[in-house]
Amino acid sequence: MLSCGNMSNDHDNGLSLFLGAIMASANHKKLFGKNLARILRIRDISQAEFAQMLGVHPAQVNKWCKGVYTPSDKYVGKILKILDAKIGDMYVDPKNPSDLFSDLTVDELIIAVAKKRGLM
């Protein structure tokens, strides 16, 4: 069960649960990549600048933006913080924004997923 005592650890565990559910989607890589590239363009941040902010090689960010790979849970959390984004921003289709996760913060999402899985 998630406790309130160690929110950082709970946050990471909840994010992992949510991302695990998302990864079941066949197009998660492309969707994440398109949204990451879109948000970087909107914020006028180059892939090289973003890579430096994250401490990764620019080729890694390029692969994420192209949908070749998705970042690990560790980097998803960092990406959200740096871009001041919500998890739903990364996995919602901009052409069909009626995704039920799009308006939730990461913490709200963690709680929703934990409750759905009977962890709370």
PDB file of N, CA and C in Angstrom:
ATOM      1  N   MET A   1       0.845  -1.181   0.000  1.00  0.00           N
ATOM      2  CA  MET A   1       0.000   0.000   0.000  1.00  0.00           C
ATOM      3  C   MET A   1       0.884   1.235   0.000  1.00  0.00           C
ATOM      4  N   LEU A   2       0.472   2.267  -0.726  1.00  0.00           N
ATOM      5  CA  LEU A   2       1.214   3.512  -0.757  1.00  0.00           C
ATOM      6  C   LEU A   2       0.994   4.246   0.547  1.00  0.00           C
ATOM      7  N   SER A   3       2.060   4.760   1.104  1.00  0.00           N
ATOM      8  CA  SER A   3       1.950   5.519   2.343  1.00  0.00           C
ATOM      9  C   SER A   3       2.251   6.972   2.060  1.00  0.00           C
ATOM     10  N   CYS A   4       1.803   7.833   2.942  1.00  0.00           N
ATOM     11  CA  CYS A   4       2.078   9.261   2.782  1.00  0.00           C
ATOM     12  C   CYS A   4       3.454   9.604   3.331  1.00  0.00           C
ATOM     13  N   GLY A   5       4.063   8.700   4.046  1.00  0.00           N
ATOM     14  CA  GLY A   5       5.333   8.963   4.694  1.00  0.00           C
ATOM     15  C   GLY A   5       6.493   9.175   3.742  1.00  0.00           C
ATOM     16  N   ASN A   6       6.509   8.489   2.626  1.00  0.00           N
ATOM     17  CA  ASN A   6       7.633   8.601   1.707  1.00  0.00           C
ATOM     18  C   ASN A   6       7.096   8.946   0.317  1.00  0.00           C
ATOM     19  N   MET A   7       6.668  10.191   0.169  1.00  0.00           N
ATOM     20  CA  MET A   7       5.999  10.606  -1.066  1.00  0.00           C
ATOM     21  C   MET A   7       6.900  10.457  -2.272  1.00  0.00           C
ATOM     22  N   SER A   8       8.187  10.741  -2.127  1.00  0.00           N
ATOM     23  CA  SER A   8       9.092  10.637  -3.272  1.00  0.00           C
ATOM     24  C   SER A   8       9.117   9.210  -3.804  1.00  0.00           C
ATOM     25  N   ASN A   9       9.274   8.254  -2.902  1.00  0.00           N
ATOM     26  CA  ASN A   9       9.296   6.850  -3.290  1.00  0.00           C
ATOM     27  C   ASN A   9       7.930   6.425  -3.831  1.00  0.00           C
ATOM     28  N   ASP A  10       6.852   6.854  -3.152  1.00  0.00           N
ATOM     29  CA  ASP A  10       5.503   6.547  -3.615  1.00  0.00           C
ATOM     30  C   ASP A  10       5.277   7.137  -5.000  1.00  0.00           C
ATOM     31  N   HIS A  11       5.760   8.351  -5.193  1.00  0.00           N
ATOM     32  CA  HIS A  11       5.623   9.039  -6.477  1.00  0.00           C
ATOM     33  C   HIS A  11       6.289   8.214  -7.572  1.00  0.00           C
ATOM     34  N   ASP A  12       7.522   7.763  -7.331  1.00  0.00           N
ATOM     35  CA  ASP A  12       8.243   6.951  -8.312  1.00  0.00           C
ATOM     36  C   ASP A  12       7.520   5.640  -8.583  1.00  0.00           C
ATOM     37  N   ASN A  13       7.026   4.985  -7.518  1.00  0.00           N
ATOM     38  CA  ASN A  13       6.306   3.725  -7.679  1.00  0.00           C
ATOM     39  C   ASN A  13       5.013   3.927  -8.459  1.00  0.00           C
ATOM     40  N   GLY A  14       4.294   4.993  -8.152  1.00  0.00           N
ATOM     41  CA  GLY A  14       3.047   5.289  -8.856  1.00  0.00           C
ATOM     42  C   GLY A  14       3.290   5.611 -10.313  1.00  0.00           C
ATOM     43  N   LEU A  15       4.349   6.378 -10.571  1.00  0.00           N
ATOM     44  CA  LEU A  15       4.687   6.714 -11.950  1.00  0.00           C
ATOM     45  C   LEU A  15       5.030   5.439 -12.711  1.00  0.00           C
ATOM     46  N   SER A  16       5.741   4.524 -12.073  1.00  0.00           N
ATOM     47  CA  SER A  16       6.076   3.250 -12.707  1.00  0.00           C
ATOM     48  C   SER A  16       4.819   2.448 -13.022  1.00  0.00           C
ATOM     49  N   LEU A  17       3.864   2.434 -12.097  1.00  0.00           N
ATOM     50  CA  LEU A  17       2.599   1.726 -12.328  1.00  0.00           C
ATOM     51  C   LEU A  17       1.875   2.318 -13.529  1.00  0.00           C
ATOM     52  N   PHE A  18       1.788   3.641 -13.560  1.00  0.00           N
ATOM     53  CA  PHE A  18       1.084   4.301 -14.649  1.00  0.00           C
ATOM     54  C   PHE A  18       1.780   4.046 -15.979  1.00  0.00           C
ATOM     55  N   LEU A  19       3.094   4.203 -15.987  1.00  0.00           N
ATOM     56  CA  LEU A  19       3.827   4.009 -17.231  1.00  0.00           C
ATOM     57  C   LEU A  19       3.724   2.570 -17.713  1.00  0.00           C
ATOM     58  N   GLY A  20       3.681   1.637 -16.785  1.00  0.00           N
ATOM     59  CA  GLY A  20       3.500   0.239 -17.165  1.00  0.00           C
ATOM     60  C   GLY A  20       2.181   0.030 -17.892  1.00  0.00           C
ATOM     61  N   ALA A  21       1.134   0.709 -17.414  1.00  0.00           N
ATOM     62  CA  ALA A  21      -0.173   0.611 -18.073  1.00  0.00           C
ATOM     63  C   ALA A  21      -0.133   1.261 -19.449  1.00  0.00           C
ATOM     64  N   ILE A  22       0.531   2.379 -19.552  1.00  0.00           N
ATOM     65  CA  ILE A  22       0.642   3.089 -20.837  1.00  0.00           C
ATOM     66  C   ILE A  22       1.426   2.253 -21.845  1.00  0.00           C
ATOM     67  N   MET A  23       2.475   1.582 -21.393  1.00  0.00           N
ATOM     68  CA  MET A  23       3.341   0.840 -22.299  1.00  0.00           C
ATOM     69  C   MET A  23       2.591  -0.279 -23.010  1.00  0.00           C
ATOM     70  N   ALA A  24       1.431  -0.659 -22.483  1.00  0.00           N
ATOM     71  CA  ALA A  24       0.634  -1.684 -23.147  1.00  0.00           C
ATOM     72  C   ALA A  24       0.052  -1.157 -24.460  1.00  0.00           C
ATOM     73  N   SER A  25       0.006   0.149 -24.585  1.00  0.00           N
ATOM     74  CA  SER A  25      -0.506   0.757 -25.803  1.00  0.00           C
ATOM     75  C   SER A  25       0.513   0.615 -26.928  1.00  0.00           C
ATOM     76  N   ALA A  26       0.043   0.202 -28.092  1.00  0.00           N
ATOM     77  CA  ALA A  26       0.946  -0.049 -29.221  1.00  0.00           C
ATOM     78  C   ALA A  26       1.624   1.207 -29.735  1.00  0.00           C
ATOM     79  N   ASN A  27       0.980   2.353 -29.616  1.00  0.00           N
ATOM     80  CA  ASN A  27       1.552   3.565 -30.187  1.00  0.00           C
ATOM     81  C   ASN A  27       2.153   4.500 -29.143  1.00  0.00           C
ATOM     82  N   HIS A  28       2.436   3.997 -27.955  1.00  0.00           N
ATOM     83  CA  HIS A  28       2.923   4.861 -26.882  1.00  0.00           C
ATOM     84  C   HIS A  28       4.227   5.562 -27.240  1.00  0.00           C
ATOM     85  N   LYS A  29       5.119   4.902 -27.947  1.00  0.00           N
ATOM     86  CA  LYS A  29       6.407   5.507 -28.296  1.00  0.00           C
ATOM     87  C   LYS A  29       6.215   6.694 -29.232  1.00  0.00           C
ATOM     88  N   LYS A  30       5.406   6.482 -30.264  1.00  0.00           N
ATOM     89  CA  LYS A  30       5.182   7.552 -31.233  1.00  0.00           C
ATOM     90  C   LYS A  30       4.434   8.717 -30.600  1.00  0.00           C
ATOM     91  N   LEU A  31       3.444   8.414 -29.775  1.00  0.00           N
ATOM     92  CA  LEU A  31       2.659   9.457 -29.128  1.00  0.00           C
ATOM     93  C   LEU A  31       3.529  10.282 -28.187  1.00  0.00           C
ATOM     94  N   PHE A  32       4.334   9.603 -27.375  1.00  0.00           N
ATOM     95  CA  PHE A  32       5.237  10.315 -26.468  1.00  0.00           C
ATOM     96  C   PHE A  32       6.197  11.177 -27.280  1.00  0.00           C
ATOM     97  N   GLY A  33       6.767  10.606 -28.327  1.00  0.00           N
ATOM     98  CA  GLY A  33       7.739  11.323 -29.141  1.00  0.00           C
ATOM     99  C   GLY A  33       7.162  12.549 -29.811  1.00  0.00           C
ATOM    100  N   LYS A  34       5.963  12.400 -30.397  1.00  0.00           N
ATOM    101  CA  LYS A  34       5.323  13.542 -31.046  1.00  0.00           C
ATOM    102  C   LYS A  34       5.039  14.651 -30.044  1.00  0.00           C
ATOM    103  N   ASN A  35       4.573  14.275 -28.862  1.00  0.00           N
ATOM    104  CA  ASN A  35       4.255  15.278 -27.854  1.00  0.00           C
ATOM    105  C   ASN A  35       5.514  15.925 -27.280  1.00  0.00           C
ATOM    106  N   LEU A  36       6.556  15.142 -27.085  1.00  0.00           N
ATOM    107  CA  LEU A  36       7.807  15.712 -26.598  1.00  0.00           C
ATOM    108  C   LEU A  36       8.347  16.717 -27.613  1.00  0.00           C
ATOM    109  N   ALA A  37       8.387  16.333 -28.869  1.00  0.00           N
ATOM    110  CA  ALA A  37       8.881  17.229 -29.924  1.00  0.00           C
ATOM    111  C   ALA A  37       8.020  18.495 -30.000  1.00  0.00           C
ATOM    112  N   ARG A  38       6.710  18.329 -29.887  1.00  0.00           N
ATOM    113  CA  ARG A  38       5.786  19.470 -29.950  1.00  0.00           C
ATOM    114  C   ARG A  38       6.020  20.431 -28.788  1.00  0.00           C
ATOM    115  N   ILE A  39       6.145  19.887 -27.579  1.00  0.00           N
ATOM    116  CA  ILE A  39       6.354  20.738 -26.395  1.00  0.00           C
ATOM    117  C   ILE A  39       7.709  21.441 -26.471  1.00  0.00           C
ATOM    118  N   LEU A  40       8.728  20.742 -26.944  1.00  0.00           N
ATOM    119  CA  LEU A  40      10.039  21.387 -27.096  1.00  0.00           C
ATOM    120  C   LEU A  40       9.953  22.544 -28.095  1.00  0.00           C
ATOM    121  N   ARG A  41       9.231  22.338 -29.202  1.00  0.00           N
ATOM    122  CA  ARG A  41       9.061  23.416 -30.193  1.00  0.00           C
ATOM    123  C   ARG A  41       8.336  24.607 -29.583  1.00  0.00           C
ATOM    124  N   ILE A  42       7.246  24.323 -28.863  1.00  0.00           N
ATOM    125  CA  ILE A  42       6.454  25.384 -28.233  1.00  0.00           C
ATOM    126  C   ILE A  42       7.304  26.182 -27.246  1.00  0.00           C
ATOM    127  N   ARG A  43       8.138  25.475 -26.499  1.00  0.00           N
ATOM    128  CA  ARG A  43       8.973  26.133 -25.478  1.00  0.00           C
ATOM    129  C   ARG A  43      10.277  26.670 -26.054  1.00  0.00           C
ATOM    130  N   ASP A  44      10.474  26.499 -27.360  1.00  0.00           N
ATOM    131  CA  ASP A  44      11.674  26.959 -28.059  1.00  0.00           C
ATOM    132  C   ASP A  44      12.953  26.401 -27.413  1.00  0.00           C
ATOM    133  N   ILE A  45      12.917  25.085 -27.165  1.00  0.00           N
ATOM    134  CA  ILE A  45      14.067  24.375 -26.591  1.00  0.00           C
ATOM    135  C   ILE A  45      14.556  23.387 -27.647  1.00  0.00           C
ATOM    136  N   SER A  46      15.821  23.466 -27.997  1.00  0.00           N
ATOM    137  CA  SER A  46      16.366  22.513 -28.974  1.00  0.00           C
ATOM    138  C   SER A  46      16.558  21.152 -28.305  1.00  0.00           C
ATOM    139  N   GLN A  47      16.646  20.125 -29.126  1.00  0.00           N
ATOM    140  CA  GLN A  47      16.901  18.782 -28.587  1.00  0.00           C
ATOM    141  C   GLN A  47      18.248  18.747 -27.871  1.00  0.00           C
ATOM    142  N   ALA A  48      19.240  19.447 -28.404  1.00  0.00           N
ATOM    143  CA  ALA A  48      20.572  19.480 -27.783  1.00  0.00           C
ATOM    144  C   ALA A  48      20.512  20.166 -26.418  1.00  0.00           C
ATOM    145  N   GLU A  49      19.786  21.281 -26.346  1.00  0.00           N
ATOM    146  CA  GLU A  49      19.642  21.985 -25.059  1.00  0.00           C
ATOM    147  C   GLU A  49      18.924  21.101 -24.041  1.00  0.00           C
ATOM    148  N   PHE A  50      17.875  20.429 -24.507  1.00  0.00           N
ATOM    149  CA  PHE A  50      17.098  19.576 -23.626  1.00  0.00           C
ATOM    150  C   PHE A  50      17.935  18.397 -23.130  1.00  0.00           C
ATOM    151  N   ALA A  51      18.718  17.839 -24.020  1.00  0.00           N
ATOM    152  CA  ALA A  51      19.605  16.737 -23.635  1.00  0.00           C
ATOM    153  C   ALA A  51      20.561  17.191 -22.537  1.00  0.00           C
ATOM    154  N   GLN A  52      21.085  18.385 -22.677  1.00  0.00           N
ATOM    155  CA  GLN A  52      22.011  18.911 -21.667  1.00  0.00           C
ATOM    156  C   GLN A  52      21.294  19.099 -20.330  1.00  0.00           C
ATOM    157  N   MET A  53      20.060  19.587 -20.361  1.00  0.00           N
ATOM    158  CA  MET A  53      19.273  19.755 -19.133  1.00  0.00           C
ATOM    159  C   MET A  53      19.060  18.426 -18.417  1.00  0.00           C
ATOM    160  N   LEU A  54      18.862  17.365 -19.212  1.00  0.00           N
ATOM    161  CA  LEU A  54      18.604  16.031 -18.661  1.00  0.00           C
ATOM    162  C   LEU A  54      19.877  15.261 -18.325  1.00  0.00           C
ATOM    163  N   GLY A  55      20.990  15.682 -18.923  1.00  0.00           N
ATOM    164  CA  GLY A  55      22.240  14.955 -18.718  1.00  0.00           C
ATOM    165  C   GLY A  55      22.334  13.696 -19.567  1.00  0.00           C
ATOM    166  N   VAL A  56      21.741  13.756 -20.768  1.00  0.00           N
ATOM    167  CA  VAL A  56      21.810  12.620 -21.695  1.00  0.00           C
ATOM    168  C   VAL A  56      22.415  13.097 -23.015  1.00  0.00           C
ATOM    169  N   HIS A  57      22.768  12.161 -23.854  1.00  0.00           N
ATOM    170  CA  HIS A  57      23.317  12.485 -25.178  1.00  0.00           C
ATOM    171  C   HIS A  57      22.177  13.004 -26.071  1.00  0.00           C
ATOM    172  N   PRO A  58      22.439  14.013 -26.900  1.00  0.00           N
ATOM    173  CA  PRO A  58      21.397  14.539 -27.788  1.00  0.00           C
ATOM    174  C   PRO A  58      20.752  13.471 -28.681  1.00  0.00           C
ATOM    175  N   ALA A  59      21.500  12.457 -29.060  1.00  0.00           N
ATOM    176  CA  ALA A  59      20.931  11.382 -29.881  1.00  0.00           C
ATOM    177  C   ALA A  59      19.804  10.660 -29.144  1.00  0.00           C
ATOM    178  N   GLN A  60      19.907  10.577 -27.820  1.00  0.00           N
ATOM    179  CA  GLN A  60      18.855   9.924 -27.032  1.00  0.00           C
ATOM    180  C   GLN A  60      17.555  10.714 -27.123  1.00  0.00           C
ATOM    181  N   VAL A  61      17.649  12.033 -26.970  1.00  0.00           N
ATOM    182  CA  VAL A  61      16.455  12.876 -27.073  1.00  0.00           C
ATOM    183  C   VAL A  61      15.869  12.776 -28.482  1.00  0.00           C
ATOM    184  N   ASN A  62      16.723  12.738 -29.483  1.00  0.00           N
ATOM    185  CA  ASN A  62      16.272  12.602 -30.859  1.00  0.00           C
ATOM    186  C   ASN A  62      15.492  11.306 -31.055  1.00  0.00           C
ATOM    187  N   LYS A  63      15.974  10.214 -30.472  1.00  0.00           N
ATOM    188  CA  LYS A  63      15.281   8.921 -30.582  1.00  0.00           C
ATOM    189  C   LYS A  63      13.931   8.964 -29.868  1.00  0.00           C
ATOM    190  N   TRP A  64      13.877   9.656 -28.728  1.00  0.00           N
ATOM    191  CA  TRP A  64      12.601   9.812 -28.026  1.00  0.00           C
ATOM    192  C   TRP A  64      11.623  10.599 -28.890  1.00  0.00           C
ATOM    193  N   CYS A  65      12.091  11.715 -29.477  1.00  0.00           N
ATOM    194  CA  CYS A  65      11.226  12.573 -30.296  1.00  0.00           C
ATOM    195  C   CYS A  65      10.735  11.863 -31.557  1.00  0.00           C
ATOM    196  N   LYS A  66      11.529  10.971 -32.079  1.00  0.00           N
ATOM    197  CA  LYS A  66      11.135  10.216 -33.270  1.00  0.00           C
ATOM    198  C   LYS A  66      10.247   9.015 -32.925  1.00  0.00           C
ATOM    199  N   GLY A  67      10.127   8.693 -31.648  1.00  0.00           N
ATOM    200  CA  GLY A  67       9.314   7.561 -31.242  1.00  0.00           C
ATOM    201  C   GLY A  67      10.011   6.226 -31.382  1.00  0.00           C
ATOM    202  N   VAL A  68      11.342   6.257 -31.500  1.00  0.00           N
ATOM    203  CA  VAL A  68      12.111   5.010 -31.585  1.00  0.00           C
ATOM    204  C   VAL A  68      12.134   4.328 -30.220  1.00  0.00           C
ATOM    205  N   TYR A  69      12.337   5.128 -29.188  1.00  0.00           N
ATOM    206  CA  TYR A  69      12.361   4.649 -27.800  1.00  0.00           C
ATOM    207  C   TYR A  69      11.547   5.608 -26.939  1.00  0.00           C
ATOM    208  N   THR A  70      11.157   5.121 -25.768  1.00  0.00           N
ATOM    209  CA  THR A  70      10.596   6.012 -24.757  1.00  0.00           C
ATOM    210  C   THR A  70      11.576   6.041 -23.596  1.00  0.00           C
ATOM    211  N   PRO A  71      11.631   7.154 -22.892  1.00  0.00           N
ATOM    212  CA  PRO A  71      12.561   7.240 -21.761  1.00  0.00           C
ATOM    213  C   PRO A  71      12.129   6.341 -20.608  1.00  0.00           C
ATOM    214  N   SER A  72      13.100   6.004 -19.775  1.00  0.00           N
ATOM    215  CA  SER A  72      12.795   5.220 -18.574  1.00  0.00           C
ATOM    216  C   SER A  72      11.989   6.083 -17.612  1.00  0.00           C
ATOM    217  N   ASP A  73      11.393   5.439 -16.619  1.00  0.00           N
ATOM    218  CA  ASP A  73      10.601   6.147 -15.604  1.00  0.00           C
ATOM    219  C   ASP A  73      11.395   7.302 -15.000  1.00  0.00           C
ATOM    220  N   LYS A  74      12.662   7.057 -14.727  1.00  0.00           N
ATOM    221  CA  LYS A  74      13.538   8.072 -14.125  1.00  0.00           C
ATOM    222  C   LYS A  74      13.558   9.337 -14.982  1.00  0.00           C
ATOM    223  N   TYR A  75      13.676   9.171 -16.276  1.00  0.00           N
ATOM    224  CA  TYR A  75      13.743  10.327 -17.158  1.00  0.00           C
ATOM    225  C   TYR A  75      12.373  10.943 -17.430  1.00  0.00           C
ATOM    226  N   VAL A  76      11.323  10.150 -17.409  1.00  0.00           N
ATOM    227  CA  VAL A  76       9.990  10.720 -17.598  1.00  0.00           C
ATOM    228  C   VAL A  76       9.718  11.733 -16.491  1.00  0.00           C
ATOM    229  N   GLY A  77      10.031  11.381 -15.260  1.00  0.00           N
ATOM    230  CA  GLY A  77       9.851  12.312 -14.142  1.00  0.00           C
ATOM    231  C   GLY A  77      10.643  13.595 -14.332  1.00  0.00           C
ATOM    232  N   LYS A  78      11.892  13.469 -14.765  1.00  0.00           N
ATOM    233  CA  LYS A  78      12.726  14.647 -15.008  1.00  0.00           C
ATOM    234  C   LYS A  78      12.167  15.491 -16.149  1.00  0.00           C
ATOM    235  N   ILE A  79      11.726  14.825 -17.205  1.00  0.00           N
ATOM    236  CA  ILE A  79      11.155  15.524 -18.363  1.00  0.00           C
ATOM    237  C   ILE A  79       9.955  16.349 -17.928  1.00  0.00           C
ATOM    238  N   LEU A  80       9.071  15.750 -17.153  1.00  0.00           N
ATOM    239  CA  LEU A  80       7.877  16.458 -16.698  1.00  0.00           C
ATOM    240  C   LEU A  80       8.236  17.670 -15.860  1.00  0.00           C
ATOM    241  N   LYS A  81       9.219  17.524 -14.989  1.00  0.00           N
ATOM    242  CA  LYS A  81       9.639  18.650 -14.142  1.00  0.00           C
ATOM    243  C   LYS A  81      10.253  19.764 -14.974  1.00  0.00           C
ATOM    244  N   ILE A  82      11.159  19.423 -15.856  1.00  0.00           N
ATOM    245  CA  ILE A  82      11.840  20.436 -16.672  1.00  0.00           C
ATOM    246  C   ILE A  82      10.850  21.172 -17.566  1.00  0.00           C
ATOM    247  N   LEU A  83       9.922  20.448 -18.166  1.00  0.00           N
ATOM    248  CA  LEU A  83       8.965  21.054 -19.086  1.00  0.00           C
ATOM    249  C   LEU A  83       7.723  21.594 -18.382  1.00  0.00           C
ATOM    250  N   ASP A  84       7.647  21.393 -17.066  1.00  0.00           N
ATOM    251  CA  ASP A  84       6.466  21.777 -16.291  1.00  0.00           C
ATOM    252  C   ASP A  84       5.211  21.222 -16.970  1.00  0.00           C
ATOM    253  N   ALA A  85       5.274  19.930 -17.265  1.00  0.00           N
ATOM    254  CA  ALA A  85       4.198  19.257 -17.992  1.00  0.00           C
ATOM    255  C   ALA A  85       3.528  18.213 -17.103  1.00  0.00           C
ATOM    256  N   LYS A  86       2.362  17.800 -17.530  1.00  0.00           N
ATOM    257  CA  LYS A  86       1.640  16.712 -16.871  1.00  0.00           C
ATOM    258  C   LYS A  86       1.871  15.444 -17.680  1.00  0.00           C
ATOM    259  N   ILE A  87       1.735  14.319 -17.036  1.00  0.00           N
ATOM    260  CA  ILE A  87       1.949  13.045 -17.719  1.00  0.00           C
ATOM    261  C   ILE A  87       0.979  12.896 -18.893  1.00  0.00           C
ATOM    262  N   GLY A  88      -0.220  13.386 -18.729  1.00  0.00           N
ATOM    263  CA  GLY A  88      -1.199  13.315 -19.798  1.00  0.00           C
ATOM    264  C   GLY A  88      -0.787  14.094 -21.032  1.00  0.00           C
ATOM    265  N   ASP A  89       0.009  15.156 -20.829  1.00  0.00           N
ATOM    266  CA  ASP A  89       0.501  15.942 -21.963  1.00  0.00           C
ATOM    267  C   ASP A  89       1.366  15.094 -22.885  1.00  0.00           C
ATOM    268  N   MET A  90       2.008  14.093 -22.334  1.00  0.00           N
ATOM    269  CA  MET A  90       2.938  13.282 -23.113  1.00  0.00           C
ATOM    270  C   MET A  90       2.250  12.114 -23.819  1.00  0.00           C
ATOM    271  N   TYR A  91       1.098  11.697 -23.315  1.00  0.00           N
ATOM    272  CA  TYR A  91       0.457  10.507 -23.860  1.00  0.00           C
ATOM    273  C   TYR A  91      -0.926  10.749 -24.446  1.00  0.00           C
ATOM    274  N   VAL A  92      -1.333  11.992 -24.556  1.00  0.00           N
ATOM    275  CA  VAL A  92      -2.635  12.278 -25.151  1.00  0.00           C
ATOM    276  C   VAL A  92      -2.419  12.664 -26.609  1.00  0.00           C
ATOM    277  N   ASP A  93      -3.324  12.228 -27.450  1.00  0.00           N
ATOM    278  CA  ASP A  93      -3.250  12.555 -28.866  1.00  0.00           C
ATOM    279  C   ASP A  93      -3.785  13.972 -29.045  1.00  0.00           C
ATOM    280  N   PRO A  94      -2.948  14.919 -29.508  1.00  0.00           N
ATOM    281  CA  PRO A  94      -3.412  16.306 -29.667  1.00  0.00           C
ATOM    282  C   PRO A  94      -4.619  16.425 -30.606  1.00  0.00           C
ATOM    283  N   LYS A  95      -4.791  15.456 -31.505  1.00  0.00           N
ATOM    284  CA  LYS A  95      -5.932  15.479 -32.418  1.00  0.00           C
ATOM    285  C   LYS A  95      -7.200  14.964 -31.739  1.00  0.00           C
ATOM    286  N   ASN A  96      -7.035  14.248 -30.617  1.00  0.00           N
ATOM    287  CA  ASN A  96      -8.162  13.698 -29.874  1.00  0.00           C
ATOM    288  C   ASN A  96      -7.883  13.888 -28.376  1.00  0.00           C
ATOM    289  N   PRO A  97      -7.953  15.139 -27.898  1.00  0.00           N
ATOM    290  CA  PRO A  97      -7.514  15.431 -26.527  1.00  0.00           C
ATOM    291  C   PRO A  97      -8.488  15.035 -25.434  1.00  0.00           C
ATOM    292  N   SER A  98      -9.469  14.218 -25.723  1.00  0.00           N
ATOM    293  CA  SER A  98     -10.456  13.856 -24.715  1.00  0.00           C
ATOM    294  C   SER A  98      -9.988  12.712 -23.823  1.00  0.00           C
ATOM    295  N   ASP A  99      -8.696  12.513 -23.720  1.00  0.00           N
ATOM    296  CA  ASP A  99      -8.132  11.464 -22.869  1.00  0.00           C
ATOM    297  C   ASP A  99      -8.415  11.785 -21.402  1.00  0.00           C
ATOM    298  N   LEU A 100      -8.864  10.798 -20.646  1.00  0.00           N
ATOM    299  CA  LEU A 100      -9.218  11.048 -19.257  1.00  0.00           C
ATOM    300  C   LEU A 100      -8.012  11.386 -18.383  1.00  0.00           C
ATOM    301  N   PHE A 101      -6.798  11.134 -18.828  1.00  0.00           N
ATOM    302  CA  PHE A 101      -5.624  11.456 -18.027  1.00  0.00           C
ATOM    303  C   PHE A 101      -5.081  12.853 -18.303  1.00  0.00           C
ATOM    304  N   SER A 102      -5.564  13.524 -19.328  1.00  0.00           N
ATOM    305  CA  SER A 102      -4.917  14.743 -19.793  1.00  0.00           C
ATOM    306  C   SER A 102      -4.923  15.878 -18.775  1.00  0.00           C
ATOM    307  N   ASP A 103      -5.895  15.932 -17.890  1.00  0.00           N
ATOM    308  CA  ASP A 103      -5.976  17.038 -16.946  1.00  0.00           C
ATOM    309  C   ASP A 103      -5.434  16.703 -15.564  1.00  0.00           C
ATOM    310  N   LEU A 104      -4.895  15.515 -15.389  1.00  0.00           N
ATOM    311  CA  LEU A 104      -4.408  15.106 -14.080  1.00  0.00           C
ATOM    312  C   LEU A 104      -2.937  15.442 -13.895  1.00  0.00           C
ATOM    313  N   THR A 105      -2.584  15.814 -12.668  1.00  0.00           N
ATOM    314  CA  THR A 105      -1.172  15.968 -12.334  1.00  0.00           C
ATOM    315  C   THR A 105      -0.599  14.571 -12.147  1.00  0.00           C
ATOM    316  N   VAL A 106       0.718  14.479 -12.076  1.00  0.00           N
ATOM    317  CA  VAL A 106       1.360  13.177 -11.858  1.00  0.00           C
ATOM    318  C   VAL A 106       0.879  12.580 -10.541  1.00  0.00           C
ATOM    319  N   ASP A 107       0.806  13.384  -9.485  1.00  0.00           N
ATOM    320  CA  ASP A 107       0.377  12.866  -8.188  1.00  0.00           C
ATOM    321  C   ASP A 107      -1.067  12.353  -8.233  1.00  0.00           C
ATOM    322  N   GLU A 108      -1.958  13.078  -8.911  1.00  0.00           N
ATOM    323  CA  GLU A 108      -3.343  12.627  -9.041  1.00  0.00           C
ATOM    324  C   GLU A 108      -3.416  11.325  -9.833  1.00  0.00           C
ATOM    325  N   LEU A 109      -2.588  11.218 -10.839  1.00  0.00           N
ATOM    326  CA  LEU A 109      -2.537  10.019 -11.661  1.00  0.00           C
ATOM    327  C   LEU A 109      -2.050   8.819 -10.858  1.00  0.00           C
ATOM    328  N   ILE A 110      -1.031   9.042 -10.056  1.00  0.00           N
ATOM    329  CA  ILE A 110      -0.480   7.983  -9.218  1.00  0.00           C
ATOM    330  C   ILE A 110      -1.555   7.443  -8.283  1.00  0.00           C
ATOM    331  N   ILE A 111      -2.286   8.352  -7.662  1.00  0.00           N
ATOM    332  CA  ILE A 111      -3.340   7.942  -6.732  1.00  0.00           C
ATOM    333  C   ILE A 111      -4.429   7.178  -7.479  1.00  0.00           C
ATOM    334  N   ALA A 112      -4.828   7.662  -8.652  1.00  0.00           N
ATOM    335  CA  ALA A 112      -5.869   6.988  -9.431  1.00  0.00           C
ATOM    336  C   ALA A 112      -5.445   5.580  -9.832  1.00  0.00           C
ATOM    337  N   VAL A 113      -4.207   5.430 -10.299  1.00  0.00           N
ATOM    338  CA  VAL A 113      -3.724   4.115 -10.711  1.00  0.00           C
ATOM    339  C   VAL A 113      -3.593   3.193  -9.504  1.00  0.00           C
ATOM    340  N   ALA A 114      -3.068   3.725  -8.398  1.00  0.00           N
ATOM    341  CA  ALA A 114      -2.913   2.910  -7.191  1.00  0.00           C
ATOM    342  C   ALA A 114      -4.267   2.415  -6.683  1.00  0.00           C
ATOM    343  N   LYS A 115      -5.269   3.289  -6.692  1.00  0.00           N
ATOM    344  CA  LYS A 115      -6.606   2.889  -6.261  1.00  0.00           C
ATOM    345  C   LYS A 115      -7.180   1.823  -7.191  1.00  0.00           C
ATOM    346  N   LYS A 116      -7.006   2.029  -8.482  1.00  0.00           N
ATOM    347  CA  LYS A 116      -7.529   1.062  -9.455  1.00  0.00           C
ATOM    348  C   LYS A 116      -6.881  -0.304  -9.279  1.00  0.00           C
ATOM    349  N   ARG A 117      -5.615  -0.318  -8.892  1.00  0.00           N
ATOM    350  CA  ARG A 117      -4.911  -1.595  -8.691  1.00  0.00           C
ATOM    351  C   ARG A 117      -5.058  -2.141  -7.273  1.00  0.00           C
ATOM    352  N   GLY A 118      -5.859  -1.476  -6.439  1.00  0.00           N
ATOM    353  CA  GLY A 118      -6.106  -1.951  -5.080  1.00  0.00           C
ATOM    354  C   GLY A 118      -4.940  -1.732  -4.131  1.00  0.00           C
ATOM    355  N   LEU A 119      -4.090  -0.785  -4.432  1.00  0.00           N
ATOM    356  CA  LEU A 119      -2.936  -0.517  -3.582  1.00  0.00           C
ATOM    357  C   LEU A 119      -3.241   0.533  -2.512  1.00  0.00           C
ATOM    358  N   MET A 120      -4.391   1.144  -2.612  1.00  0.00           N
ATOM    359  CA  MET A 120      -4.799   2.159  -1.625  1.00  0.00           C
ATOM    360  C   MET A 120      -6.203   1.864  -1.152  1.00  0.00           C
TER     361      MET A 120
END
